[in-house]
Amino acid sequence: MTATVERIWRHPIKGHGHESLDAVVLEVGKTMPWDRTWAVAHEMSRADNTQWARCANFSRISKVADLAAISCRLDTAREIVTLSHPKRPDLTFRPEDDTEAFLDWVRPLMPEDRAASARFVRVPGRGMTDSDFPSVTLCNMSSHRAVEQKIGRRLSKRRWRGNIWMDGLGPWEEFEWIDGEVRIGEAVFLVRERTDRCPATGANPETGKRDIDVVGALEDGWGHHDFSVRAEVIKGGRVALGDTAEAL
């Protein structure tokens, strides 16, 4: 079955907002350009700027629900980020140069019982995705609608923090792609694994409050905690809204 690309999202700072795109050019073995380019290490983190590190090293929505309500814009030419949040004034800054301005901005959102955000981490050549390989997350709108039906209310797709959203597949059909190849636009992906989900999905991106046990709904409805799949780019190329996606 073929599907159509309906949304393309990147997340310049891991766990701190998303940005919509009309198109993106992907490279072999790389994460989406400017996706998770920066991650915010907390004061107990051992992450540095030399290699990938697990998500436990970073400030993230699963521990700080208020981060879910951040939205983001990135000026790639100048590497300037603008963050917005309903509880905070907009902040425009360069992560490499203005760390203190960011820390002052985010501090009121951080619970006192969590390790405080401390510094930015940036690893040359790849984004800090949750997978230990450079991945692009492929999401199925039909699966999202199945979760909405199970819960009995509309859910923001931002809860899943995915990269490429497709419509036209059957619910959970993306899981059948594991270990297979998928062409989306000009790019080809090797689909490597399901995306296991955590309590971050329970945070409302509009309010920054935990309001639904999404992981519990997945477990109750389908006996797993997975949503979307992580894929590796094996043939680079342009992917744009309206492009066709099909299993090879």
Protein backbone atom coordinates (compact mmCIF):
# COMPACT_ATOMS: atom_id res chain seq x y z
CA MET A 1 0.00 0.00 0.00
CA THR A 2 1.25 3.50 -0.79
CA ALA A 3 0.91 6.54 1.43
CA THR A 4 1.41 10.28 1.20
CA VAL A 5 3.71 12.52 3.24
CA GLU A 6 1.48 14.85 5.26
CA ARG A 7 3.92 16.43 7.74
CA ILE A 8 7.66 16.86 8.15
CA TRP A 9 8.96 17.96 11.55
CA ARG A 10 12.38 18.60 12.98
CA HIS A 11 13.33 19.29 16.59
CA PRO A 12 16.44 21.51 16.63
CA ILE A 13 16.90 21.19 20.41
CA LYS A 14 16.09 17.74 21.77
CA GLY A 15 13.00 17.88 23.97
CA HIS A 16 12.53 21.62 23.44
CA GLY A 17 10.01 22.21 20.64
CA HIS A 18 9.43 21.26 17.03
CA GLU A 19 9.35 23.04 13.67
CA SER A 20 7.32 22.22 10.53
CA LEU A 21 8.98 21.92 7.11
CA ASP A 22 7.72 21.73 3.54
CA ALA A 23 10.67 19.64 2.36
CA VAL A 24 13.99 18.25 3.52
CA VAL A 25 17.06 16.76 1.82
CA LEU A 26 18.32 13.65 3.59
CA GLU A 27 21.80 12.14 3.48
CA VAL A 28 22.87 8.51 3.77
CA GLY A 29 23.55 7.47 7.35
CA LYS A 30 22.55 10.84 8.80
CA THR A 31 19.74 12.12 10.97
CA MET A 32 17.39 14.68 9.48
CA PRO A 33 19.28 17.97 9.03
CA TRP A 34 18.95 20.13 12.16
CA ASP A 35 16.97 17.48 14.04
CA ARG A 36 18.19 17.14 17.65
CA THR A 37 21.32 19.08 16.66
CA TRP A 38 21.55 20.31 20.23
CA ALA A 39 20.60 18.52 23.43
CA VAL A 40 20.40 20.07 26.89
CA ALA A 41 22.58 18.19 29.36
CA HIS A 42 21.51 18.39 32.99
CA GLU A 43 23.85 18.94 35.91
CA MET A 44 24.34 15.18 36.53
CA SER A 45 24.97 14.33 32.86
CA ARG A 46 28.12 12.65 31.57
CA ALA A 47 27.40 13.53 27.94
CA ASP A 48 29.96 15.52 26.01
CA ASN A 49 30.44 16.75 22.45
CA THR A 50 32.28 13.65 21.20
CA GLN A 51 29.70 10.87 20.89
CA TRP A 52 26.06 9.87 21.14
CA ALA A 53 24.61 9.60 24.65
CA ARG A 54 21.43 8.10 26.07
CA CYS A 55 18.41 10.29 26.75
CA ALA A 56 18.87 9.97 30.52
CA ASN A 57 21.74 12.46 30.20
CA PHE A 58 19.43 15.25 29.04
CA SER A 59 16.56 17.44 30.19
CA ARG A 60 13.50 15.84 28.59
CA ILE A 61 9.72 15.85 28.56
CA SER A 62 9.36 12.52 30.35
CA LYS A 63 10.77 14.21 33.47
CA VAL A 64 9.68 17.82 32.84
CA ALA A 65 6.19 17.98 31.33
CA ASP A 66 6.32 21.76 30.85
CA LEU A 67 8.93 21.31 28.12
CA ALA A 68 6.22 19.80 25.90
CA ALA A 69 4.63 23.23 25.40
CA ILE A 70 7.74 24.77 23.84
CA SER A 71 7.63 25.68 20.16
CA CYS A 72 10.73 26.42 18.11
CA ARG A 73 11.99 28.27 15.04
CA LEU A 74 15.49 27.90 13.63
CA ASP A 75 17.46 30.24 11.40
CA THR A 76 19.86 27.67 9.95
CA ALA A 77 22.13 30.22 8.25
CA ARG A 78 22.92 31.97 11.53
CA GLU A 79 22.19 29.01 13.85
CA ILE A 80 19.80 31.17 15.82
CA VAL A 81 16.90 29.54 17.67
CA THR A 82 13.69 31.20 18.85
CA LEU A 83 11.77 29.42 21.61
CA SER A 84 8.20 30.17 22.68
CA HIS A 85 6.21 28.91 25.67
CA PRO A 86 2.86 30.02 27.12
CA LYS A 87 4.52 30.78 30.47
CA ARG A 88 7.62 32.54 29.15
CA PRO A 89 8.49 35.45 26.84
CA ASP A 90 10.01 34.45 23.50
CA LEU A 91 13.75 33.88 23.55
CA THR A 92 16.00 34.26 20.49
CA PHE A 93 19.57 33.05 20.99
CA ARG A 94 22.53 31.08 19.64
CA PRO A 95 22.96 27.87 21.66
CA GLU A 96 26.76 27.94 21.28
CA ASP A 97 27.08 31.50 22.56
CA ASP A 98 24.07 32.29 24.75
CA THR A 99 23.78 29.31 27.07
CA GLU A 100 23.20 31.45 30.15
CA ALA A 101 20.31 33.28 28.49
CA PHE A 102 18.69 29.94 27.71
CA LEU A 103 19.25 28.58 31.23
CA ASP A 104 17.65 31.70 32.73
CA TRP A 105 14.71 31.29 30.35
CA VAL A 106 14.08 27.60 31.02
CA ARG A 107 14.74 27.61 34.79
CA PRO A 108 11.15 28.56 35.80
CA LEU A 109 9.86 25.56 33.86
CA MET A 110 12.06 23.05 35.70
CA PRO A 111 10.80 21.26 38.85
CA GLU A 112 12.95 21.71 41.95
CA ASP A 113 13.23 17.94 42.42
CA ARG A 114 14.91 17.38 39.03
CA ALA A 115 18.50 17.89 37.97
CA ALA A 116 18.76 21.38 36.53
CA SER A 117 19.60 22.06 32.90
CA ALA A 118 23.29 22.95 32.69
CA ARG A 119 24.74 23.12 29.15
CA PHE A 120 24.29 22.29 25.49
CA VAL A 121 25.75 19.20 23.85
CA ARG A 122 26.34 19.03 20.11
CA VAL A 123 27.96 16.01 18.46
CA PRO A 124 29.50 16.71 15.03
CA GLY A 125 27.76 14.94 12.17
CA ARG A 126 24.60 13.65 13.84
CA GLY A 127 21.57 14.62 15.86
CA MET A 128 21.04 13.30 19.37
CA THR A 129 18.15 10.93 18.56
CA ASP A 130 17.08 8.37 21.17
CA SER A 131 18.48 5.54 19.03
CA ASP A 132 22.18 4.74 19.08
CA PHE A 133 22.19 4.93 15.26
CA PRO A 134 21.32 8.10 13.30
CA SER A 135 17.60 7.64 12.80
CA VAL A 136 14.62 9.29 11.18
CA THR A 137 11.26 8.57 12.82
CA LEU A 138 8.44 7.55 10.46
CA CYS A 139 4.89 8.00 11.78
CA ASN A 140 1.55 6.64 10.56
CA MET A 141 -1.51 8.87 10.89
CA SER A 142 -3.81 5.83 10.89
CA SER A 143 -2.04 4.47 13.95
CA HIS A 144 -2.42 7.87 15.60
CA ARG A 145 -6.15 7.85 14.88
CA ALA A 146 -6.38 4.35 16.38
CA VAL A 147 -4.84 5.66 19.62
CA GLU A 148 -7.25 8.61 19.59
CA GLN A 149 -10.18 6.20 19.21
CA LYS A 150 -8.90 4.05 22.08
CA ILE A 151 -8.52 7.06 24.38
CA GLY A 152 -11.75 8.70 23.21
CA ARG A 153 -10.41 12.17 22.43
CA ARG A 154 -8.27 14.09 19.96
CA LEU A 155 -4.53 14.06 20.57
CA SER A 156 -1.87 16.39 19.25
CA LYS A 157 0.57 14.57 16.96
CA ARG A 158 3.30 16.62 18.61
CA ARG A 159 3.16 14.18 21.53
CA TRP A 160 5.06 11.63 19.42
CA ARG A 161 7.92 13.99 18.38
CA GLY A 162 8.26 12.24 15.00
CA ASN A 163 9.94 13.38 11.79
CA ILE A 164 7.93 12.21 8.75
CA TRP A 165 4.17 11.63 8.97
CA MET A 166 2.33 9.59 6.35
CA ASP A 167 -1.35 8.99 5.63
CA GLY A 168 -2.96 6.22 3.59
CA LEU A 169 -1.61 3.19 5.45
CA GLY A 170 -3.59 0.80 7.63
CA PRO A 171 -3.26 1.13 11.41
CA TRP A 172 0.11 -0.22 12.58
CA GLU A 173 1.10 -1.18 9.04
CA GLU A 174 4.44 0.55 9.62
CA PHE A 175 5.43 -2.28 11.99
CA GLU A 176 5.36 -4.65 9.00
CA TRP A 177 8.21 -2.62 7.50
CA ILE A 178 10.77 -3.70 10.12
CA ASP A 179 13.95 -4.99 8.43
CA GLY A 180 12.57 -3.86 5.06
CA GLU A 181 13.13 -0.87 2.81
CA VAL A 182 10.76 2.03 2.19
CA ARG A 183 11.00 4.75 -0.44
CA ILE A 184 9.69 8.16 0.54
CA GLY A 185 10.08 10.82 -2.13
CA GLU A 186 13.63 10.45 -3.47
CA ALA A 187 15.01 8.86 -0.30
CA VAL A 188 15.14 5.18 0.66
CA PHE A 189 15.10 3.99 4.27
CA LEU A 190 15.95 0.73 6.02
CA VAL A 191 13.37 0.41 8.79
CA ARG A 192 15.23 -0.92 11.78
CA GLU A 193 13.02 -0.87 14.86
CA ARG A 194 9.82 0.20 16.53
CA THR A 195 9.93 3.37 18.61
CA ASP A 196 9.32 2.47 22.24
CA ARG A 197 7.39 5.14 24.10
CA CYS A 198 7.66 6.67 27.57
CA PRO A 199 5.57 8.98 29.79
CA ALA A 200 6.63 11.99 27.67
CA THR A 201 3.62 11.20 25.47
CA GLY A 202 1.31 12.00 28.40
CA ALA A 203 2.27 15.69 28.40
CA ASN A 204 -0.08 18.04 26.53
CA PRO A 205 1.87 20.15 24.00
CA GLU A 206 -0.60 23.01 24.42
CA THR A 207 -0.46 23.26 28.21
CA GLY A 208 2.67 21.41 29.35
CA LYS A 209 0.52 19.39 31.78
CA ARG A 210 0.24 15.63 32.04
CA ASP A 211 -3.33 14.77 31.13
CA ILE A 212 -3.46 11.29 29.54
CA ASP A 213 -1.71 7.95 30.13
CA VAL A 214 -0.84 7.33 26.48
CA VAL A 215 1.60 4.50 27.29
CA GLY A 216 -1.14 2.81 29.32
CA ALA A 217 -3.54 3.12 26.39
CA LEU A 218 -1.01 1.46 24.07
CA GLU A 219 -0.53 -1.38 26.54
CA ASP A 220 -4.25 -1.83 27.13
CA GLY A 221 -5.18 -1.63 23.46
CA TRP A 222 -2.36 -3.47 21.73
CA GLY A 223 -0.11 -5.04 24.35
CA HIS A 224 2.94 -2.90 23.60
CA HIS A 225 4.36 0.59 24.24
CA ASP A 226 5.39 1.35 20.65
CA PHE A 227 4.43 4.06 18.20
CA SER A 228 6.16 4.80 14.87
CA VAL A 229 9.37 3.24 13.55
CA ARG A 230 13.00 4.34 13.46
CA ALA A 231 14.66 4.14 10.08
CA GLU A 232 18.14 4.61 8.62
CA VAL A 233 18.64 6.59 5.42
CA ILE A 234 20.32 4.27 2.88
CA LYS A 235 19.71 6.43 -0.20
CA GLY A 236 19.66 10.17 0.16
CA GLY A 237 17.33 12.59 -1.56
CA ARG A 238 14.56 15.14 -1.19
CA VAL A 239 11.38 14.40 0.73
CA ALA A 240 8.52 16.89 0.46
CA LEU A 241 4.91 17.23 1.51
CA GLY A 242 2.70 15.29 -0.88
CA ASP A 243 5.40 12.79 -1.83
CA THR A 244 4.56 9.11 -2.08
CA ALA A 245 5.78 6.54 0.46
CA GLU A 246 5.85 2.84 -0.39
CA ALA A 247 7.44 -0.35 0.84
CA LEU A 248 9.97 -1.87 -1.59
